[in-house]
Amino acid sequence: MHVLPVVTRGPTENVNDLLYLKGIDVAIINGDSLDGYRSQVPQIGHRIVQRLNLFPSELHVFVRPEISSLAELAGKKVNFNTPGSAAAYSGPLIFSRLGIHVEKTSIPYPVALELAAIVFISSKPVDAFAKGKWERGFKFLPVEFGPRLADYYVPAQFDSSDYPALIASGEKISTIAVPTVRVSYNWKPGSPRYLRVAPFVETLLDRMERSRGQGFGPKWKEIDPSAKTPGLERFQPAQEWLDHKLAQRS
């Protein structure tokens, strides 16, 4: 099987390519990338289908010592990483869902430390936080999962094993995570494009255990092929593979 990777400028452009660029079969997107398309493509959740839910990207809201809650960020400058990043797209969307209106910036990370808060959306641990030297009081704010976030996001948490210099032993900080998803267009079963994509899905899932071994990134060990992505249906061959595996175990 020959796979040709295409580099884009971010997860929303990946959705564009999957919908409109000829020859694109598969894309990796953030689950909330579909939000901006729902007004133009109301059935976006049916036109694009989940093939595999990859490891999530946790929301990090890192604040200066004088800030103690998300509500205190209202009206203040908050940095959402660099343009095109997951934080630049998902961060403002999440804050809007929570009803917290901030002054958005996208400036280099070291300069942003002078602002009220820095928002990163990336799989934990983020080196910038894990390896940094911090003055007393710098911290992550908790973000509680709830109905306003349930359509795209999943609950997550940080503890001292993730950031030992910032989180005390035994402490847990609630947050949310943005699912990172391998998706495809929902081709009609039996069509040429469907028949081209289906074997790739089956091969990938069959070799999942190999990807959890030596020589692969540790995050592959966290992938659960049965995990669902809010707002997306599962690609039929992926569902059939999962049903077969469950039947073998029972």
Protein backbone atom coordinates (compact mmCIF):
# COMPACT_ATOMS: atom_id res chain seq x y z
CA MET A 1 0.00 0.00 0.00
CA HIS A 2 1.44 3.36 -1.06
CA VAL A 3 0.63 6.31 1.22
CA LEU A 4 1.39 9.86 0.09
CA PRO A 5 1.36 12.33 3.02
CA VAL A 6 0.32 15.93 2.38
CA VAL A 7 1.39 18.70 4.77
CA THR A 8 -1.14 21.48 5.37
CA ARG A 9 -1.39 24.56 7.58
CA GLY A 10 -3.61 23.04 10.22
CA PRO A 11 -6.58 20.82 11.09
CA THR A 12 -9.23 23.06 9.49
CA GLU A 13 -7.39 23.00 6.16
CA ASN A 14 -7.34 19.21 6.45
CA VAL A 15 -11.15 19.26 6.54
CA ASN A 16 -11.19 21.51 3.46
CA ASP A 17 -8.93 19.13 1.58
CA LEU A 18 -10.97 16.07 2.49
CA LEU A 19 -14.18 17.75 1.32
CA TYR A 20 -12.98 19.56 -1.78
CA LEU A 21 -9.47 18.58 -2.92
CA LYS A 22 -9.47 15.84 -5.52
CA GLY A 23 -7.67 12.65 -4.53
CA ILE A 24 -7.54 13.10 -0.74
CA ASP A 25 -8.72 9.91 0.96
CA VAL A 26 -7.83 10.36 4.62
CA ALA A 27 -7.16 13.28 6.96
CA ILE A 28 -6.14 13.86 10.57
CA ILE A 29 -8.28 16.55 12.19
CA ASN A 30 -9.22 17.91 15.59
CA GLY A 31 -12.76 16.97 16.57
CA ASP A 32 -13.89 20.58 16.91
CA SER A 33 -12.56 21.53 13.45
CA LEU A 34 -16.04 20.73 12.15
CA ASP A 35 -17.65 23.56 14.12
CA GLY A 36 -16.94 26.20 11.48
CA TYR A 37 -18.47 24.07 8.73
CA ARG A 38 -21.87 23.33 10.23
CA SER A 39 -23.52 26.48 8.85
CA GLN A 40 -22.24 25.73 5.32
CA VAL A 41 -22.43 21.92 5.46
CA PRO A 42 -25.19 21.02 7.96
CA GLN A 43 -24.62 17.29 7.45
CA ILE A 44 -20.86 17.51 8.01
CA GLY A 45 -21.08 14.86 10.76
CA HIS A 46 -22.38 12.38 8.18
CA ARG A 47 -20.17 13.38 5.24
CA ILE A 48 -17.01 12.81 7.26
CA VAL A 49 -16.63 9.63 9.34
CA GLN A 50 -14.29 8.52 12.10
CA ARG A 51 -11.75 5.84 11.29
CA LEU A 52 -9.60 5.94 14.41
CA ASN A 53 -9.61 8.15 17.48
CA LEU A 54 -5.93 8.98 18.12
CA PHE A 55 -4.43 10.25 21.37
CA PRO A 56 -6.14 13.43 22.61
CA SER A 57 -4.68 16.93 22.90
CA GLU A 58 -5.25 18.36 26.37
CA LEU A 59 -6.20 21.98 27.03
CA HIS A 60 -3.50 23.74 29.11
CA VAL A 61 -4.52 27.09 30.61
CA PHE A 62 -1.33 28.33 32.27
CA VAL A 63 -1.63 31.51 34.32
CA ARG A 64 0.38 34.00 36.32
CA PRO A 65 0.29 33.86 40.16
CA GLU A 66 -2.31 36.63 40.54
CA ILE A 67 -4.93 34.69 38.50
CA SER A 68 -6.94 32.08 40.40
CA SER A 69 -9.90 31.24 38.14
CA LEU A 70 -11.01 31.23 34.52
CA ALA A 71 -13.53 33.97 35.26
CA GLU A 72 -10.68 36.30 36.24
CA LEU A 73 -9.33 36.12 32.68
CA ALA A 74 -12.33 38.02 31.30
CA GLY A 75 -11.12 41.16 29.52
CA LYS A 76 -7.44 40.23 29.95
CA LYS A 77 -4.85 39.34 27.32
CA VAL A 78 -4.60 35.60 26.71
CA ASN A 79 -2.12 34.09 24.27
CA PHE A 80 -3.35 31.29 22.00
CA ASN A 81 -0.03 30.02 20.68
CA THR A 82 0.83 30.80 17.04
CA PRO A 83 -1.52 31.21 14.03
CA GLY A 84 -2.50 27.85 12.53
CA SER A 85 -1.93 25.92 15.77
CA ALA A 86 -4.59 23.91 17.59
CA ALA A 87 -4.69 26.50 20.38
CA ALA A 88 -5.25 29.33 17.90
CA TYR A 89 -8.38 27.59 16.59
CA SER A 90 -9.76 25.61 19.52
CA GLY A 91 -8.77 27.96 22.34
CA PRO A 92 -11.03 30.90 21.39
CA LEU A 93 -13.84 28.47 20.56
CA ILE A 94 -13.61 26.87 24.02
CA PHE A 95 -13.48 30.23 25.80
CA SER A 96 -16.52 31.36 23.80
CA ARG A 97 -18.40 28.21 24.82
CA LEU A 98 -17.56 28.97 28.45
CA GLY A 99 -18.77 32.57 28.09
CA ILE A 100 -15.38 34.10 28.92
CA HIS A 101 -14.43 36.98 26.62
CA VAL A 102 -10.71 37.70 26.52
CA GLU A 103 -8.33 39.78 24.43
CA LYS A 104 -6.77 37.24 22.05
CA THR A 105 -3.08 37.41 21.14
CA SER A 106 -0.69 35.18 19.17
CA ILE A 107 2.86 36.15 20.07
CA PRO A 108 6.09 34.15 20.70
CA TYR A 109 5.95 31.97 23.79
CA PRO A 110 8.68 33.67 25.93
CA VAL A 111 7.06 37.10 25.45
CA ALA A 112 3.62 35.70 26.23
CA LEU A 113 4.70 34.87 29.79
CA GLU A 114 4.07 38.52 30.62
CA LEU A 115 0.37 38.13 29.78
CA ALA A 116 -2.36 36.89 32.12
CA ALA A 117 -2.49 33.40 30.58
CA ILE A 118 -1.04 31.11 27.92
CA VAL A 119 -3.22 28.50 26.23
CA PHE A 120 -1.68 25.39 24.69
CA ILE A 121 -3.57 22.47 23.19
CA SER A 122 -1.22 19.54 22.84
CA SER A 123 -0.73 16.02 24.16
CA LYS A 124 0.69 16.09 27.66
CA PRO A 125 3.33 16.60 28.84
CA VAL A 126 4.29 19.78 26.97
CA ASP A 127 8.06 20.31 27.24
CA ALA A 128 7.72 24.06 27.70
CA PHE A 129 5.86 23.45 30.98
CA ALA A 130 7.48 20.19 32.08
CA LYS A 131 11.07 21.44 31.73
CA GLY A 132 10.61 25.14 32.53
CA LYS A 133 11.74 26.88 35.73
CA TRP A 134 8.76 28.65 37.28
CA GLU A 135 8.36 31.25 39.98
CA ARG A 136 6.08 30.34 42.85
CA GLY A 137 2.40 30.70 41.94
CA PHE A 138 2.48 29.93 38.22
CA LYS A 139 -0.08 27.19 37.65
CA PHE A 140 -2.65 25.44 35.46
CA LEU A 141 -6.28 26.40 35.93
CA PRO A 142 -8.89 23.65 36.12
CA VAL A 143 -11.43 23.48 33.28
CA GLU A 144 -14.53 21.52 34.18
CA PHE A 145 -16.18 19.33 31.54
CA GLY A 146 -19.89 20.03 31.09
CA PRO A 147 -22.81 20.23 28.63
CA ARG A 148 -21.43 23.31 26.86
CA LEU A 149 -18.36 21.31 25.87
CA ALA A 150 -19.76 17.81 25.39
CA ASP A 151 -20.42 18.03 21.65
CA TYR A 152 -16.70 18.12 20.69
CA TYR A 153 -14.55 17.53 23.77
CA VAL A 154 -13.79 14.83 26.33
CA PRO A 155 -12.81 15.07 30.03
CA ALA A 156 -9.11 14.87 30.93
CA GLN A 157 -6.77 15.70 33.80
CA PHE A 158 -3.19 16.52 34.80
CA ASP A 159 -1.28 15.20 37.80
CA SER A 160 2.23 15.34 39.23
CA SER A 161 3.52 12.64 36.87
CA ASP A 162 2.79 15.02 33.98
CA TYR A 163 4.18 18.22 35.53
CA PRO A 164 6.02 17.48 38.80
CA ALA A 165 7.34 21.07 39.16
CA LEU A 166 3.84 22.55 38.89
CA ILE A 167 1.48 19.98 40.45
CA ALA A 168 1.93 18.57 43.94
CA SER A 169 2.05 14.83 44.50
CA GLY A 170 -1.46 13.42 44.77
CA GLU A 171 -3.08 16.53 43.25
CA LYS A 172 -5.20 16.27 40.11
CA ILE A 173 -6.30 19.15 37.89
CA SER A 174 -9.37 18.68 35.70
CA THR A 175 -9.30 19.85 32.11
CA ILE A 176 -10.72 18.87 28.74
CA ALA A 177 -9.12 17.37 25.66
CA VAL A 178 -9.66 17.84 21.95
CA PRO A 179 -9.89 14.45 20.18
CA THR A 180 -7.42 14.02 17.35
CA VAL A 181 -9.12 11.86 14.75
CA ARG A 182 -8.18 10.03 11.59
CA VAL A 183 -11.18 10.52 9.30
CA SER A 184 -12.28 9.85 5.75
CA TYR A 185 -15.09 10.93 3.48
CA ASN A 186 -18.21 8.83 3.92
CA TRP A 187 -18.06 7.13 0.54
CA LYS A 188 -20.96 4.96 -0.58
CA PRO A 189 -20.26 1.27 0.21
CA GLY A 190 -18.98 -0.54 -2.87
CA SER A 191 -17.87 2.63 -4.67
CA PRO A 192 -14.28 2.77 -6.03
CA ARG A 193 -13.11 5.24 -3.37
CA TYR A 194 -14.75 3.21 -0.59
CA LEU A 195 -12.98 0.08 -1.81
CA ARG A 196 -9.67 1.95 -1.85
CA VAL A 197 -10.01 3.34 1.66
CA ALA A 198 -11.43 0.26 3.43
CA PRO A 199 -8.27 -1.91 3.19
CA PHE A 200 -6.18 0.91 4.65
CA VAL A 201 -8.46 1.08 7.69
CA GLU A 202 -8.36 -2.67 8.22
CA THR A 203 -4.58 -2.85 7.80
CA LEU A 204 -4.00 0.00 10.25
CA LEU A 205 -6.26 -1.51 12.91
CA ASP A 206 -4.78 -5.00 12.45
CA ARG A 207 -1.30 -3.56 13.10
CA MET A 208 -2.19 -1.45 16.11
CA GLU A 209 -0.39 -3.77 18.50
CA ARG A 210 2.82 -3.42 16.50
CA SER A 211 2.60 0.38 16.81
CA ARG A 212 2.54 0.05 20.60
CA GLY A 213 5.95 -1.62 20.65
CA GLN A 214 9.53 -0.46 20.73
CA GLY A 215 10.50 2.20 18.20
CA PHE A 216 7.11 3.93 18.20
CA GLY A 217 6.01 6.95 20.24
CA PRO A 218 4.63 6.17 23.72
CA LYS A 219 1.33 7.88 22.92
CA TRP A 220 0.41 5.00 20.60
CA LYS A 221 -0.07 2.88 23.73
CA GLU A 222 -2.95 5.15 24.77
CA ILE A 223 -4.99 4.66 21.59
CA ASP A 224 -8.25 2.78 22.07
CA PRO A 225 -9.76 1.62 18.73
CA SER A 226 -13.20 1.46 20.38
CA ALA A 227 -13.16 5.12 21.52
CA LYS A 228 -15.81 7.35 19.99
CA THR A 229 -15.42 10.91 18.78
CA PRO A 230 -18.31 13.22 19.77
CA GLY A 231 -20.33 14.25 16.72
CA LEU A 232 -18.92 11.69 14.27
CA GLU A 233 -20.13 8.33 13.04
CA ARG A 234 -17.66 5.47 12.66
CA PHE A 235 -16.56 4.36 9.17
CA GLN A 236 -18.37 1.11 8.39
CA PRO A 237 -15.24 -1.09 7.88
CA ALA A 238 -13.82 0.22 11.18
CA GLN A 239 -17.08 -0.68 12.95
CA GLU A 240 -17.08 -4.13 11.35
CA TRP A 241 -13.46 -4.69 12.47
CA LEU A 242 -14.36 -3.64 16.01
CA ASP A 243 -17.47 -5.86 16.09
CA HIS A 244 -15.35 -8.82 14.93
CA LYS A 245 -12.77 -8.22 17.68
CA LEU A 246 -15.47 -7.94 20.34
CA ALA A 247 -17.09 -11.16 19.10
CA GLN A 248 -13.72 -12.97 19.37
CA ARG A 249 -13.34 -11.90 23.02
CA SER A 250 -16.85 -12.96 24.07
